[in-house]
Amino acid sequence: MNEKLVAYGAIAAAIIVMTTIVFPFWNLIPTMVTEKMKVVYVEDGKCTAQTVDGYIIRNIPCTAKIGDNITASYDVKVKDRERKI
């Protein structure tokens, strides 16, 4: 009987640790996506570009002109969080 309680307690403790410590930090690990996008604004060697689905990526280092297509990487988790707000 005691061994079962210890096993259940260990499982419950593991679940509590995972939900309070590990899972919140999981969203901080970036998931980078490289995508072709259209430049909509340029200033001082930094571009603002728009993805195919309308998401704006700012401060991309580039030498392109407005209307050019570039390939850039961004964190897709940030995109998802902004859409939920």
N, C-alpha and C. Protein backbone atom coordinates (compact mmCIF):
# COMPACT_ATOMS: atom_id res chain seq x y z
N MET A 1 0.83 -1.20 0.00
CA MET A 1 0.00 0.00 0.00
C MET A 1 0.87 1.26 0.00
N ASN A 2 1.92 1.26 0.81
CA ASN A 2 2.82 2.41 0.88
C ASN A 2 3.53 2.64 -0.44
N GLU A 3 3.92 1.57 -1.12
CA GLU A 3 4.63 1.71 -2.39
C GLU A 3 3.75 2.34 -3.46
N LYS A 4 2.46 2.02 -3.45
CA LYS A 4 1.54 2.61 -4.41
C LYS A 4 1.39 4.11 -4.15
N LEU A 5 1.31 4.50 -2.89
CA LEU A 5 1.19 5.92 -2.56
C LEU A 5 2.43 6.69 -2.98
N VAL A 6 3.59 6.10 -2.78
CA VAL A 6 4.84 6.75 -3.19
C VAL A 6 4.87 6.89 -4.72
N ALA A 7 4.46 5.88 -5.43
CA ALA A 7 4.44 5.93 -6.89
C ALA A 7 3.47 6.99 -7.39
N TYR A 8 2.26 7.03 -6.83
CA TYR A 8 1.28 8.05 -7.21
C TYR A 8 1.78 9.46 -6.86
N GLY A 9 2.41 9.59 -5.71
CA GLY A 9 2.97 10.88 -5.30
C GLY A 9 4.06 11.34 -6.25
N ALA A 10 4.91 10.41 -6.69
CA ALA A 10 5.98 10.75 -7.63
C ALA A 10 5.41 11.18 -8.98
N ILE A 11 4.39 10.49 -9.43
CA ILE A 11 3.75 10.86 -10.69
C ILE A 11 3.10 12.23 -10.58
N ALA A 12 2.40 12.47 -9.48
CA ALA A 12 1.76 13.77 -9.28
C ALA A 12 2.80 14.89 -9.19
N ALA A 13 3.91 14.64 -8.51
CA ALA A 13 4.97 15.64 -8.40
C ALA A 13 5.57 15.93 -9.77
N ALA A 14 5.77 14.90 -10.57
CA ALA A 14 6.32 15.09 -11.91
C ALA A 14 5.38 15.92 -12.78
N ILE A 15 4.09 15.67 -12.68
CA ILE A 15 3.11 16.43 -13.46
C ILE A 15 3.10 17.89 -13.02
N ILE A 16 3.16 18.13 -11.72
CA ILE A 16 3.17 19.50 -11.21
C ILE A 16 4.42 20.24 -11.67
N VAL A 17 5.57 19.59 -11.60
CA VAL A 17 6.82 20.22 -12.04
C VAL A 17 6.76 20.53 -13.54
N MET A 18 6.26 19.60 -14.33
CA MET A 18 6.20 19.81 -15.78
C MET A 18 5.28 20.98 -16.13
N THR A 19 4.13 21.07 -15.47
CA THR A 19 3.17 22.12 -15.83
C THR A 19 3.58 23.49 -15.33
N THR A 20 4.35 23.56 -14.26
CA THR A 20 4.72 24.87 -13.72
C THR A 20 6.09 25.36 -14.16
N ILE A 21 6.98 24.46 -14.52
CA ILE A 21 8.35 24.88 -14.85
C ILE A 21 8.69 24.64 -16.31
N VAL A 22 8.48 23.45 -16.82
CA VAL A 22 8.95 23.09 -18.16
C VAL A 22 8.09 23.68 -19.27
N PHE A 23 6.77 23.50 -19.22
CA PHE A 23 5.90 23.93 -20.32
C PHE A 23 5.93 25.43 -20.56
N PRO A 24 5.94 26.30 -19.54
CA PRO A 24 6.02 27.74 -19.84
C PRO A 24 7.30 28.13 -20.58
N PHE A 25 8.42 27.51 -20.26
CA PHE A 25 9.67 27.84 -20.94
C PHE A 25 9.74 27.25 -22.34
N TRP A 26 8.94 26.25 -22.62
CA TRP A 26 8.93 25.63 -23.94
C TRP A 26 8.57 26.67 -25.01
N ASN A 27 7.66 27.61 -24.67
CA ASN A 27 7.26 28.63 -25.63
C ASN A 27 8.32 29.68 -25.86
N LEU A 28 9.34 29.74 -25.01
CA LEU A 28 10.41 30.70 -25.19
C LEU A 28 11.47 30.23 -26.18
N ILE A 29 11.46 28.94 -26.49
CA ILE A 29 12.41 28.39 -27.45
C ILE A 29 11.90 28.74 -28.85
N PRO A 30 12.65 29.49 -29.64
CA PRO A 30 12.14 29.93 -30.94
C PRO A 30 12.01 28.80 -31.96
N THR A 31 11.01 28.94 -32.79
CA THR A 31 10.81 28.05 -33.92
C THR A 31 10.95 28.93 -35.17
N MET A 32 12.14 28.93 -35.73
CA MET A 32 12.42 29.83 -36.84
C MET A 32 11.89 29.27 -38.15
N VAL A 33 11.29 30.16 -38.94
CA VAL A 33 10.75 29.82 -40.25
C VAL A 33 11.37 30.77 -41.26
N THR A 34 11.84 30.25 -42.37
CA THR A 34 12.38 31.08 -43.44
C THR A 34 11.34 31.13 -44.56
N GLU A 35 11.02 32.34 -44.95
CA GLU A 35 9.92 32.52 -45.90
C GLU A 35 10.24 33.66 -46.86
N LYS A 36 9.67 33.58 -48.04
CA LYS A 36 9.81 34.66 -49.02
C LYS A 36 8.74 35.70 -48.71
N MET A 37 9.15 36.97 -48.63
CA MET A 37 8.21 38.04 -48.30
C MET A 37 8.49 39.29 -49.11
N LYS A 38 7.53 40.18 -49.12
CA LYS A 38 7.60 41.41 -49.91
C LYS A 38 7.97 42.58 -49.00
N VAL A 39 8.95 43.38 -49.44
CA VAL A 39 9.40 44.55 -48.67
C VAL A 39 8.36 45.65 -48.81
N VAL A 40 7.91 46.20 -47.66
CA VAL A 40 6.92 47.27 -47.69
C VAL A 40 7.48 48.59 -47.17
N TYR A 41 8.65 48.56 -46.51
CA TYR A 41 9.24 49.78 -45.98
C TYR A 41 10.74 49.57 -45.79
N VAL A 42 11.54 50.58 -46.10
CA VAL A 42 13.00 50.51 -45.94
C VAL A 42 13.48 51.79 -45.28
N GLU A 43 14.35 51.62 -44.26
CA GLU A 43 14.96 52.78 -43.60
C GLU A 43 16.27 52.37 -42.95
N ASP A 44 17.35 53.07 -43.29
CA ASP A 44 18.68 52.86 -42.70
C ASP A 44 19.16 51.41 -42.76
N GLY A 45 18.99 50.76 -43.89
CA GLY A 45 19.47 49.39 -44.05
C GLY A 45 18.62 48.34 -43.36
N LYS A 46 17.47 48.72 -42.85
CA LYS A 46 16.54 47.79 -42.20
C LYS A 46 15.24 47.79 -43.00
N CYS A 47 14.72 46.60 -43.23
CA CYS A 47 13.49 46.46 -44.00
C CYS A 47 12.34 46.02 -43.11
N THR A 48 11.16 46.41 -43.51
CA THR A 48 9.93 45.87 -42.95
C THR A 48 9.27 45.12 -44.09
N ALA A 49 8.97 43.84 -43.85
CA ALA A 49 8.44 43.01 -44.93
C ALA A 49 7.13 42.36 -44.49
N GLN A 50 6.34 41.97 -45.48
CA GLN A 50 5.05 41.35 -45.23
C GLN A 50 5.06 39.94 -45.80
N THR A 51 4.62 38.97 -44.98
CA THR A 51 4.54 37.59 -45.42
C THR A 51 3.33 37.40 -46.34
N VAL A 52 3.21 36.24 -46.91
CA VAL A 52 2.12 35.93 -47.81
C VAL A 52 0.77 36.05 -47.10
N ASP A 53 0.73 35.68 -45.81
CA ASP A 53 -0.53 35.74 -45.06
C ASP A 53 -0.74 37.08 -44.34
N GLY A 54 0.07 38.09 -44.65
CA GLY A 54 -0.15 39.43 -44.14
C GLY A 54 0.54 39.79 -42.84
N TYR A 55 1.40 38.94 -42.33
CA TYR A 55 2.12 39.22 -41.08
C TYR A 55 3.31 40.12 -41.38
N ILE A 56 3.52 41.16 -40.57
CA ILE A 56 4.59 42.12 -40.78
C ILE A 56 5.80 41.74 -39.94
N ILE A 57 6.96 41.66 -40.58
CA ILE A 57 8.24 41.39 -39.91
C ILE A 57 9.05 42.68 -39.98
N ARG A 58 9.52 43.16 -38.84
CA ARG A 58 10.25 44.43 -38.79
C ARG A 58 11.74 44.21 -38.55
N ASN A 59 12.52 45.23 -38.90
CA ASN A 59 13.96 45.30 -38.63
C ASN A 59 14.76 44.14 -39.22
N ILE A 60 14.50 43.84 -40.46
CA ILE A 60 15.28 42.83 -41.18
C ILE A 60 16.43 43.56 -41.86
N PRO A 61 17.68 43.17 -41.59
CA PRO A 61 18.78 43.82 -42.31
C PRO A 61 18.74 43.45 -43.79
N CYS A 62 18.70 44.47 -44.64
CA CYS A 62 18.65 44.18 -46.08
C CYS A 62 19.04 45.41 -46.88
N THR A 63 19.24 45.20 -48.16
CA THR A 63 19.56 46.28 -49.09
C THR A 63 18.52 46.35 -50.21
N ALA A 64 17.35 45.80 -49.97
CA ALA A 64 16.30 45.75 -51.00
C ALA A 64 15.56 47.08 -51.08
N LYS A 65 14.73 47.18 -52.09
CA LYS A 65 13.88 48.35 -52.29
C LYS A 65 12.43 47.95 -52.03
N ILE A 66 11.60 48.95 -51.83
CA ILE A 66 10.17 48.69 -51.60
C ILE A 66 9.59 47.95 -52.81
N GLY A 67 8.88 46.87 -52.53
CA GLY A 67 8.28 46.06 -53.59
C GLY A 67 9.10 44.84 -53.96
N ASP A 68 10.37 44.79 -53.55
CA ASP A 68 11.22 43.63 -53.83
C ASP A 68 10.80 42.45 -52.96
N ASN A 69 11.08 41.27 -53.44
CA ASN A 69 10.87 40.06 -52.64
C ASN A 69 12.21 39.65 -52.03
N ILE A 70 12.17 39.34 -50.73
CA ILE A 70 13.36 38.87 -50.02
C ILE A 70 13.02 37.59 -49.27
N THR A 71 14.04 36.90 -48.84
CA THR A 71 13.86 35.72 -48.01
C THR A 71 14.40 36.06 -46.63
N ALA A 72 13.57 35.86 -45.61
CA ALA A 72 13.97 36.19 -44.24
C ALA A 72 13.42 35.15 -43.27
N SER A 73 14.04 35.08 -42.10
CA SER A 73 13.61 34.16 -41.05
C SER A 73 12.96 34.93 -39.91
N TYR A 74 11.97 34.30 -39.29
CA TYR A 74 11.31 34.88 -38.12
C TYR A 74 10.80 33.76 -37.23
N ASP A 75 10.48 34.12 -35.98
CA ASP A 75 9.98 33.15 -35.01
C ASP A 75 8.47 33.00 -35.18
N VAL A 76 8.03 31.84 -35.57
CA VAL A 76 6.61 31.61 -35.84
C VAL A 76 5.79 31.64 -34.55
N LYS A 77 6.40 31.37 -33.40
CA LYS A 77 5.67 31.41 -32.12
C LYS A 77 5.27 32.84 -31.78
N VAL A 78 6.10 33.81 -32.12
CA VAL A 78 5.75 35.22 -31.88
C VAL A 78 4.55 35.59 -32.75
N LYS A 79 4.56 35.12 -33.98
CA LYS A 79 3.45 35.37 -34.89
C LYS A 79 2.15 34.80 -34.32
N ASP A 80 2.19 33.59 -33.82
CA ASP A 80 1.00 32.96 -33.24
C ASP A 80 0.50 33.71 -32.02
N ARG A 81 1.43 34.15 -31.16
CA ARG A 81 1.03 34.88 -29.95
C ARG A 81 0.41 36.22 -30.30
N GLU A 82 0.93 36.92 -31.28
CA GLU A 82 0.37 38.21 -31.67
C GLU A 82 -1.03 38.06 -32.26
N ARG A 83 -1.27 36.99 -32.97
CA ARG A 83 -2.60 36.78 -33.57
C ARG A 83 -3.64 36.45 -32.50
N LYS A 84 -3.23 35.88 -31.36
CA LYS A 84 -4.17 35.53 -30.30
C LYS A 84 -4.58 36.75 -29.48
N ILE A 85 -3.78 37.81 -29.55
CA ILE A 85 -4.08 39.01 -28.74
C ILE A 85 -5.23 39.77 -29.32
